[in-house]
Each structure stands twice: as C-alpha cells, then as structure tokens.
Protein backbone atom coordinates (compact mmCIF):
# COMPACT_ATOMS: atom_id res chain seq x y z
CA MET A 1 -16.86 -20.98 0.83
CA SER A 2 -16.95 -18.61 -2.39
CA SER A 3 -20.24 -18.32 -3.85
CA MET A 4 -21.29 -19.39 -7.21
CA LYS A 5 -20.50 -16.67 -9.79
CA THR A 6 -22.75 -16.40 -13.13
CA ILE A 7 -22.60 -15.13 -16.68
CA LYS A 8 -24.49 -15.80 -19.78
CA LEU A 9 -23.67 -14.72 -23.43
CA PHE A 10 -26.53 -14.61 -26.20
CA ALA A 11 -25.72 -15.06 -29.76
CA ASP A 12 -28.39 -12.33 -30.61
CA GLU A 13 -29.01 -8.59 -29.22
CA ASP A 14 -31.60 -8.14 -26.32
CA PHE A 15 -30.77 -11.67 -24.76
CA LYS A 16 -32.15 -13.93 -27.71
CA GLY A 17 -30.32 -16.44 -29.72
CA GLU A 18 -28.31 -19.33 -28.54
CA GLU A 19 -27.57 -19.18 -24.93
CA ARG A 20 -24.22 -20.33 -23.29
CA ALA A 21 -23.68 -20.03 -19.51
CA PHE A 22 -20.20 -20.28 -17.41
CA LEU A 23 -20.42 -20.66 -14.01
CA CYS A 24 -17.60 -20.35 -11.26
CA ALA A 25 -17.76 -21.90 -8.02
CA GLY A 26 -14.25 -21.67 -6.71
CA PRO A 27 -12.06 -18.51 -6.41
CA TYR A 28 -11.47 -17.84 -10.02
CA ARG A 29 -11.52 -19.67 -13.33
CA ASP A 30 -9.93 -19.76 -16.79
CA ILE A 31 -12.51 -20.53 -19.51
CA GLN A 32 -10.85 -21.20 -22.37
CA SER A 33 -12.45 -21.68 -25.68
CA VAL A 34 -11.41 -23.24 -28.41
CA ASP A 35 -13.70 -21.55 -31.19
CA ALA A 36 -14.92 -18.15 -30.67
CA ILE A 37 -18.26 -17.67 -29.39
CA LYS A 38 -21.15 -15.61 -31.30
CA CYS A 39 -22.02 -13.13 -28.30
CA SER A 40 -23.96 -9.90 -29.12
CA SER A 41 -25.53 -9.89 -25.39
CA ILE A 42 -24.52 -10.32 -21.99
CA VAL A 43 -26.12 -10.76 -18.33
CA VAL A 44 -23.37 -11.24 -15.20
CA GLU A 45 -25.68 -12.92 -12.68
CA SER A 46 -22.84 -12.06 -10.18
CA GLY A 47 -18.80 -11.42 -9.78
CA THR A 48 -16.05 -9.81 -12.03
CA TRP A 49 -15.88 -11.37 -15.25
CA ILE A 50 -12.82 -10.48 -18.31
CA LEU A 51 -14.15 -10.76 -21.61
CA TYR A 52 -11.33 -11.57 -24.37
CA GLU A 53 -12.11 -11.25 -27.90
CA GLU A 54 -8.58 -13.68 -28.94
CA LYS A 55 -7.73 -16.84 -27.75
CA ASP A 56 -4.91 -17.51 -24.69
CA TYR A 57 -6.51 -14.27 -23.05
CA MET A 58 -5.22 -11.94 -25.41
CA GLY A 59 -6.43 -9.33 -27.75
CA LYS A 60 -9.08 -6.50 -26.56
CA THR A 61 -10.76 -6.86 -23.41
CA TYR A 62 -13.79 -6.42 -21.53
CA VAL A 63 -13.89 -5.91 -17.57
CA LEU A 64 -17.62 -6.60 -16.38
CA THR A 65 -19.55 -6.52 -12.98
CA LYS A 66 -23.11 -7.48 -12.51
CA GLY A 67 -25.53 -6.30 -14.66
CA GLN A 68 -27.49 -6.45 -17.92
CA TYR A 69 -25.49 -5.40 -21.56
CA PRO A 70 -27.98 -5.86 -24.43
CA ASN A 71 -25.85 -5.74 -27.08
CA PRO A 72 -22.01 -4.70 -27.45
CA GLY A 73 -22.10 -1.22 -27.36
CA LYS A 74 -23.27 -1.62 -23.77
CA TRP A 75 -19.63 -2.58 -22.68
CA THR A 76 -17.91 -1.20 -25.93
CA GLY A 77 -17.34 -4.32 -27.72
CA GLY A 78 -16.01 -3.92 -31.22
CA ARG A 79 -16.94 -7.09 -32.79
CA ASP A 80 -19.37 -9.88 -31.32
CA THR A 81 -17.02 -12.73 -30.61
CA ILE A 82 -15.53 -13.61 -27.15
CA SER A 83 -12.58 -16.36 -27.91
CA CYS A 84 -12.16 -16.79 -23.82
CA LEU A 85 -13.13 -15.20 -20.41
CA ARG A 86 -12.14 -15.08 -16.58
CA CYS A 87 -13.60 -15.01 -13.40
CA VAL A 88 -12.23 -12.70 -10.98
CA ALA A 89 -12.11 -13.68 -7.56
CA ASP A 90 -13.84 -11.38 -4.54
CA ASP A 91 -11.46 -9.63 -2.19
CA THR A 92 -8.67 -10.26 -4.03
CA LEU A 93 -5.94 -8.54 -5.91
CA THR A 94 -5.17 -9.88 -9.52
CA LEU A 95 -2.05 -9.09 -10.99
CA PHE A 96 -1.39 -9.75 -15.03
CA GLU A 97 1.44 -10.49 -17.48
CA HIS A 98 -0.01 -7.88 -19.93
CA SER A 99 -1.48 -4.63 -19.98
CA ASN A 100 -5.03 -4.63 -20.48
CA PHE A 101 -5.35 -8.10 -18.38
CA ASN A 102 -3.89 -10.02 -21.34
CA GLY A 103 -1.59 -12.86 -20.76
CA ARG A 104 -0.92 -15.24 -17.54
CA ALA A 105 -2.40 -14.12 -14.31
CA CYS A 106 -1.85 -14.49 -10.88
CA THR A 107 -4.61 -13.49 -8.00
CA LEU A 108 -3.40 -12.42 -4.26
CA THR A 109 -5.75 -13.32 -1.12
CA GLY A 110 -3.48 -12.37 1.46
CA GLN A 111 -0.17 -10.82 1.89
CA ALA A 112 2.58 -11.82 -0.49
CA PRO A 113 6.08 -10.24 0.94
CA ASN A 114 7.88 -12.35 -2.26
CA LEU A 115 6.08 -12.42 -5.28
CA THR A 116 8.95 -14.73 -7.18
CA ARG A 117 7.22 -17.60 -4.87
CA VAL A 118 4.32 -17.23 -6.96
CA ARG A 119 6.62 -16.96 -10.19
CA PHE A 120 4.90 -13.69 -10.96
CA ASN A 121 8.08 -10.91 -9.64
CA ASP A 122 9.13 -8.25 -12.00
CA LYS A 123 5.84 -9.24 -14.20
CA ALA A 124 3.00 -7.33 -13.35
CA SER A 125 2.02 -4.56 -16.11
CA SER A 126 -2.17 -4.24 -15.49
CA ALA A 127 -4.14 -5.27 -12.52
CA ILE A 128 -7.89 -5.64 -11.04
CA VAL A 129 -9.16 -5.21 -7.40
CA THR A 130 -11.87 -6.56 -6.25
CA GLY A 131 -13.42 -6.19 -2.74
CA LYS A 132 -13.72 -3.32 -0.17
CA PHE A 133 -9.77 -3.04 0.31
CA THR A 134 -6.90 -1.01 -0.86
CA TRP A 135 -4.05 -2.76 -1.78
CA GLN A 136 -0.12 -1.54 -1.56
CA VAL A 137 1.68 -2.69 -4.37
CA CYS A 138 5.64 -2.44 -3.73
CA GLU A 139 8.68 -2.38 -6.14
CA ASP A 140 11.28 -5.00 -3.89
CA GLU A 141 10.43 -7.66 -1.48
CA ASP A 142 9.23 -7.43 1.82
CA TYR A 143 7.48 -4.18 1.07
CA GLY A 144 10.16 -2.55 0.18
CA GLY A 145 11.15 0.35 -2.28
CA ARG A 146 8.33 2.60 -4.05
CA LYS A 147 4.66 1.81 -3.33
CA TRP A 148 2.00 2.24 -4.73
CA ASP A 149 -2.18 1.96 -3.77
CA LEU A 150 -4.53 0.45 -5.67
CA ALA A 151 -8.04 1.26 -4.42
CA PRO A 152 -10.93 -1.76 -5.92
CA GLY A 153 -10.90 -1.04 -9.57
CA SER A 154 -9.06 -1.71 -12.79
CA TYR A 155 -5.79 -1.10 -14.20
CA PRO A 156 -5.47 -1.52 -17.35
CA ASP A 157 -2.03 -0.26 -18.13
CA PRO A 158 1.10 -0.09 -15.68
CA ALA A 159 0.90 4.08 -15.18
CA GLY A 160 -1.18 3.57 -11.83
CA MET A 161 0.97 1.23 -10.46
CA GLY A 162 4.63 2.45 -10.96
CA GLY A 163 5.50 0.62 -14.56
CA HIS A 164 5.90 -2.54 -16.39
CA ASP A 165 7.55 -5.65 -14.53
CA ILE A 166 8.59 -4.09 -11.39
CA LEU A 167 6.49 -5.67 -8.42
CA SER A 168 8.11 -7.62 -6.17
CA SER A 169 5.59 -7.71 -2.91
CA ALA A 170 2.21 -6.65 -2.26
CA ARG A 171 -0.69 -6.56 0.46
CA PRO A 172 -4.00 -5.35 1.34
CA CYS A 173 -4.80 -2.29 3.44
CA GLN A 174 -7.81 -1.84 5.39
CA GLU A 175 -7.34 0.87 5.79
CA ASN A 176 -6.72 4.30 4.13
CA PRO A 177 -2.61 5.16 4.08
CA GLY A 178 -1.24 6.85 6.70
CA ILE A 179 0.96 9.03 4.22
CA GLN A 180 0.87 9.69 0.71
CA LEU A 181 4.09 11.89 -0.87
CA PHE A 182 3.60 13.94 -4.17
CA GLU A 183 5.96 15.00 -6.99
CA HIS A 184 4.33 18.86 -7.35
CA GLY A 185 2.67 20.99 -4.50
CA GLY A 186 -1.16 21.04 -4.51
CA PHE A 187 -0.76 16.93 -4.55
CA GLN A 188 -0.08 16.56 -8.29
CA GLY A 189 2.08 14.65 -10.35
CA GLU A 190 3.60 10.81 -9.04
CA ARG A 191 2.52 9.80 -5.75
CA VAL A 192 4.14 7.37 -2.94
CA SER A 193 2.22 5.78 -0.43
CA CYS A 194 3.03 4.16 2.91
CA GLY A 195 0.51 2.32 5.19
CA HIS A 196 0.09 3.10 8.92
CA THR A 197 0.31 -0.48 10.29
CA GLY A 198 0.19 0.53 14.23
CA ALA A 199 3.54 -0.51 14.20
CA LEU A 200 7.20 1.52 13.99
CA VAL A 201 6.90 1.89 9.74
CA GLU A 202 10.57 2.82 8.38
CA VAL A 203 11.25 3.33 4.72
CA GLY A 204 14.50 4.23 4.94
CA TRP A 205 14.75 5.06 0.86
CA LEU A 206 11.67 6.06 -0.59
CA GLY A 207 13.28 4.86 -4.09
CA GLY A 208 15.38 5.82 -6.98
CA ASP A 209 12.79 7.38 -9.37
CA PHE A 210 11.06 9.07 -6.43
CA ASN A 211 14.23 10.17 -4.28
CA ASN A 212 14.03 13.91 -3.37
CA LYS A 213 10.64 14.68 -5.15
CA CYS A 214 8.85 15.62 -2.58
CA SER A 215 6.48 19.04 -2.88
CA SER A 216 3.63 18.12 -1.17
CA ILE A 217 2.13 15.50 1.57
CA GLU A 218 -1.07 13.97 2.76
CA ILE A 219 -0.55 12.51 6.20
CA HIS A 220 -4.32 10.44 6.70
CA LYS A 221 -3.69 8.43 9.96
CA GLY A 222 -0.61 8.73 12.46
CA THR A 223 2.19 10.80 13.33
CA TRP A 224 5.11 10.57 10.29
CA VAL A 225 8.57 11.79 10.53
CA VAL A 226 9.81 13.05 7.14
CA TYR A 227 13.56 13.09 6.72
CA GLU A 228 16.10 15.04 4.47
CA HIS A 229 18.13 12.16 3.90
CA MET A 230 18.30 8.19 3.45
CA ASN A 231 18.06 6.02 6.67
CA PHE A 232 16.29 8.63 8.63
CA ARG A 233 19.21 11.48 8.43
CA GLY A 234 19.33 15.18 7.98
CA LYS A 235 17.12 17.69 8.96
CA ALA A 236 13.54 16.20 10.08
CA HIS A 237 10.23 17.01 10.70
CA VAL A 238 7.26 15.61 12.14
CA LEU A 239 3.56 15.79 10.38
CA LYS A 240 0.01 15.09 12.17
CA PRO A 241 -2.69 14.13 10.04
CA GLY A 242 -3.07 17.00 7.63
CA ALA A 243 -2.76 18.24 3.99
CA TYR A 244 0.70 19.79 3.21
CA SER A 245 -0.01 21.25 -0.26
CA ASP A 246 3.45 23.17 -0.27
CA CYS A 247 6.68 22.64 1.84
CA THR A 248 6.01 25.62 3.26
CA LYS A 249 3.21 23.88 5.53
CA TRP A 250 5.50 21.52 7.20
CA GLY A 251 8.55 23.67 7.35
CA GLY A 252 10.64 22.16 4.61
CA GLU A 253 12.04 22.97 1.03
CA GLU A 254 10.76 21.12 -2.17
CA ASP A 255 12.15 18.16 -3.03
CA THR A 256 14.31 17.29 0.28
CA ILE A 257 12.46 14.29 1.21
CA THR A 258 14.05 10.72 1.19
CA SER A 259 12.96 8.70 4.09
CA VAL A 260 9.83 8.01 6.18
CA ARG A 261 8.95 7.10 9.37
CA GLY A 262 5.48 6.32 10.67
CA VAL A 263 5.22 6.33 14.44
CA PRO A 264 2.81 3.60 16.53
CA GLU A 265 0.07 5.69 18.25
CA ASN A 266 -0.08 5.75 21.92
CA ALA A 267 3.43 5.01 22.33
CA LEU A 268 7.01 6.61 23.41
CA VAL A 269 9.27 6.30 20.66
CA LEU A 270 12.91 7.00 21.35
CA PHE A 271 15.44 8.00 18.84
CA GLY A 272 19.40 7.20 19.04
CA ASP A 273 20.10 11.15 17.55
CA ALA A 274 18.92 14.59 18.25
CA ASP A 275 15.99 15.62 16.05
CA TYR A 276 14.74 12.20 15.39
CA SER A 277 17.53 11.72 13.01
CA SER A 278 18.92 8.29 13.73
CA TYR A 279 18.84 4.79 12.21
CA SER A 280 18.25 4.02 15.83
CA ALA A 281 14.82 3.66 16.89
CA LEU A 282 13.03 2.18 19.88
CA PRO A 283 9.18 2.19 20.05
CA LEU A 284 7.85 1.28 23.34
CA VAL A 285 3.77 0.50 24.30
CA GLU A 286 4.47 -0.27 27.85
CA SER A 287 6.57 -0.09 30.47
CA HIS A 288 10.36 -1.69 29.84
CA GLY A 289 12.65 -2.23 32.74
CA ASN A 290 15.90 -2.80 31.11
CA PHE A 291 16.83 -0.94 27.83
CA ALA A 292 19.78 -2.98 27.81
CA ASP A 293 17.79 -5.74 26.40
CA LEU A 294 16.52 -4.03 23.83
CA GLY A 295 20.55 -3.24 22.82
CA PHE A 296 18.97 0.64 23.70
CA ASP A 297 20.76 1.43 26.87
CA ASP A 298 22.58 5.10 27.07
CA LYS A 299 21.49 5.62 23.36
CA ALA A 300 18.31 8.11 23.48
CA SER A 301 18.64 11.60 22.50
CA SER A 302 15.05 12.71 21.36
CA ALA A 303 11.78 11.21 21.76
CA ILE A 304 8.41 11.53 20.41
CA VAL A 305 4.93 10.48 22.85
CA THR A 306 2.02 9.78 20.76
CA GLY A 307 -0.45 9.02 23.71
CA GLY A 308 -0.43 8.48 27.72
CA ASP A 309 1.90 10.18 30.09
CA TRP A 310 5.57 8.30 30.53
CA GLU A 311 8.20 8.19 33.23
CA VAL A 312 11.97 8.00 32.32
CA PHE A 313 14.78 6.64 34.35
CA GLU A 314 18.25 7.02 34.26
CA ASP A 315 18.82 3.33 35.61
CA ALA A 316 17.61 0.26 35.02
CA SER A 317 14.34 -1.05 36.94
CA TYR A 318 13.02 1.99 37.18
CA GLY A 319 15.62 3.65 39.38
CA GLY A 320 17.66 6.55 39.54
CA LYS A 321 16.93 9.94 38.60
CA GLN A 322 13.25 10.61 36.45
CA TRP A 323 12.11 12.53 34.12
CA LYS A 324 8.42 12.77 32.84
CA LEU A 325 7.08 13.02 29.18
CA SER A 326 3.96 13.72 27.94
CA PRO A 327 2.42 13.62 24.92
CA GLY A 328 4.70 16.23 22.77
CA HIS A 329 8.00 15.97 20.20
CA TYR A 330 11.15 16.09 22.25
CA ASN A 331 14.02 17.10 19.66
CA ASN A 332 16.84 17.11 22.06
CA LEU A 333 16.78 15.43 25.37
CA ALA A 334 20.13 17.07 26.38
CA THR A 335 17.41 20.43 27.42
CA LEU A 336 16.00 18.03 30.03
CA GLY A 337 19.59 16.44 30.87
CA CYS A 338 18.74 13.50 30.08
CA ASN A 339 20.60 13.12 26.83
CA ASP A 340 22.46 9.09 26.40
CA LYS A 341 21.05 8.65 29.86
CA LEU A 342 18.13 6.49 29.85
CA SER A 343 17.93 2.55 30.87
CA SER A 344 14.21 2.24 31.60
CA ALA A 345 10.98 4.11 31.15
CA LYS A 346 7.26 3.55 32.76
CA ARG A 347 4.12 3.84 31.66
CA LEU A 348 2.11 6.13 33.96
C-alpha cells in the first residue's frame, strides 16, 4: 500500500495565515480547484507534487518534493495563487500531454509495450520519473525504434525524451543502460540507449533520425555487436564494457552504425553468417541436443562465447566430429572446419 503523502499551502509567507492541507493516500491524485488558492508558503511533508497557476492543469508549473518553502521565491513562483495540483506516484513514470507537465497525465508503474492501450500513444511532451529506477522510453511499440533513458527527475520539455508526441512504449530499467550511442565524438550530441536484459537484445534499425550518426559509444554492461547496416548486416564490431570516445577506438568509421545486438552473458551465441553479420542468431545458455528443433541446424558460421567452455558437434545428440569453444570471438567458423556443420552444443 502506498504511504500517505501530504502538502500544506499557507496564505501568507513563513507558514502563516489560512492553511489548506491536501492528502494523497493512493498511488496518485489530481486535485482540481474551482477557485484559485492564495498561497505564499508551502510545506511538503511527503511525496512529489506539481502545482499549477492555471486551472485544468495548465499554465506555469512547479514541481516540489519534501521540504519547506517559506515564500514563492523558494519555488520560483511568480504569483501567490495556485489553481490546481497533482500528487505524483512513487516509483513511476508519469507522462504529460503538453510541455511543463500541462494537460492530461498518464502514470506508468511497470512495462508498457503499447501506449495505445492507455490512450497515450504519440501524446507525451513532458515527464516526471520518481523512485530510483531509470526508465527507457521508445519511439515504437514493443520497445522498438529510437530509445531514450530517463533517470529520476523532471523533464519539462520534450528535448530530453526525443521530441513532441513520438513515444509509443516505455519500461523501467533497474540498472544502467547496456549501450549508449552518441551522435558526435566525445559522447556529445543526440543519444540513443539500449538496455541489457540478460537475453539477446536486438535493435535492427536505430531509427531514421539517428541512422548512420554514431561517432562515440559507451558500453555499461555486457558484450555488444554494432553493425554498419540495418538488420545486423555489413561490417561488425564486437565491443566490451568501456568508453569509445571516437570511431577509431572500435576500428570503425564515423556515422556508420545502423543496428546493434546485445549478447547474453555467460552464453554461446551462434550467427548465420561470418563476422556475426546475419539476421539469424541462436543464443544458448545451456546444452542443446538438436539445433533442428530451433531452426538452426547446419547454419552457424560465426560465434561469440561470453562465458564457460563449450563443445559443438557435427551431429545431433552430441555426435560426430566435435570442436571446443572457449570464451572469445570466432568471426569465421570455416577456420575451424565447422562452417555450416553444427547440429548440437554441450556446455562443459
């Protein structure tokens, strides 16, 4: 159950004069006042609150957290009247229809693969993130397209979340993003982020506005493969955690990254073509006796091992000729004599 959240508005400065207290016992609350409330000092006992100078959640806004505000200057207020207020839920992402937290609001407490279901698709122009988790907001449904990470805080304009009215899905990220790609060298300019979930993460196209724009990369978690063409084609580079301030640091060229893959940890990942450049990939975290069950029999041409030693076999049920793969990158299995020959794999 959510704890009680309380805000007190005082007519005069230094917490004097008529007092109006507002409580929020649920996850959130919208309070629409018919008449403007004279307010010259405020005490926020708990919670995050948004105050509006105009009715219908419009006009100049102020986001206040726990604390004492003895005069309007402490919350940069221009007037001594408040017409309505909102209590923002803990550990949530709240999206707003207009900039500066104006208009209709939509509060998310967990994964939202399609904002159409909550009638907020392509409608967000500002946001507030409460709690300790970063949220990932995405241009397309099912977490596709361009992505932006919103750390806890307030985002009064759409510049930090991609633009006006373009978001279609969102989800909380309990850890730092796995990879961040930057438009310019030195980690400057527009940014696209992707989370590392522990499974195979695939972004086949970084989006029209960011396509072929990447000039620096930060890897926070996991092993990632970045590709010069969409759908995991063209020249590929395997990157481990670290800061790549310009394209020479990963052996690439400026403005050539179009798709990325996050490789599972402690796994064997097989790719359908050499140099990891293939739309098809098979991630394995445990032994599997028949690749035909997975539609990948005799299809592997390159591999990445992120943990443990593995034996791969020419036949199903761990039969026939075998090869041992230790942690590392195998950009062409033909050099081992097993290109398009693998039918099963065993974790050692």
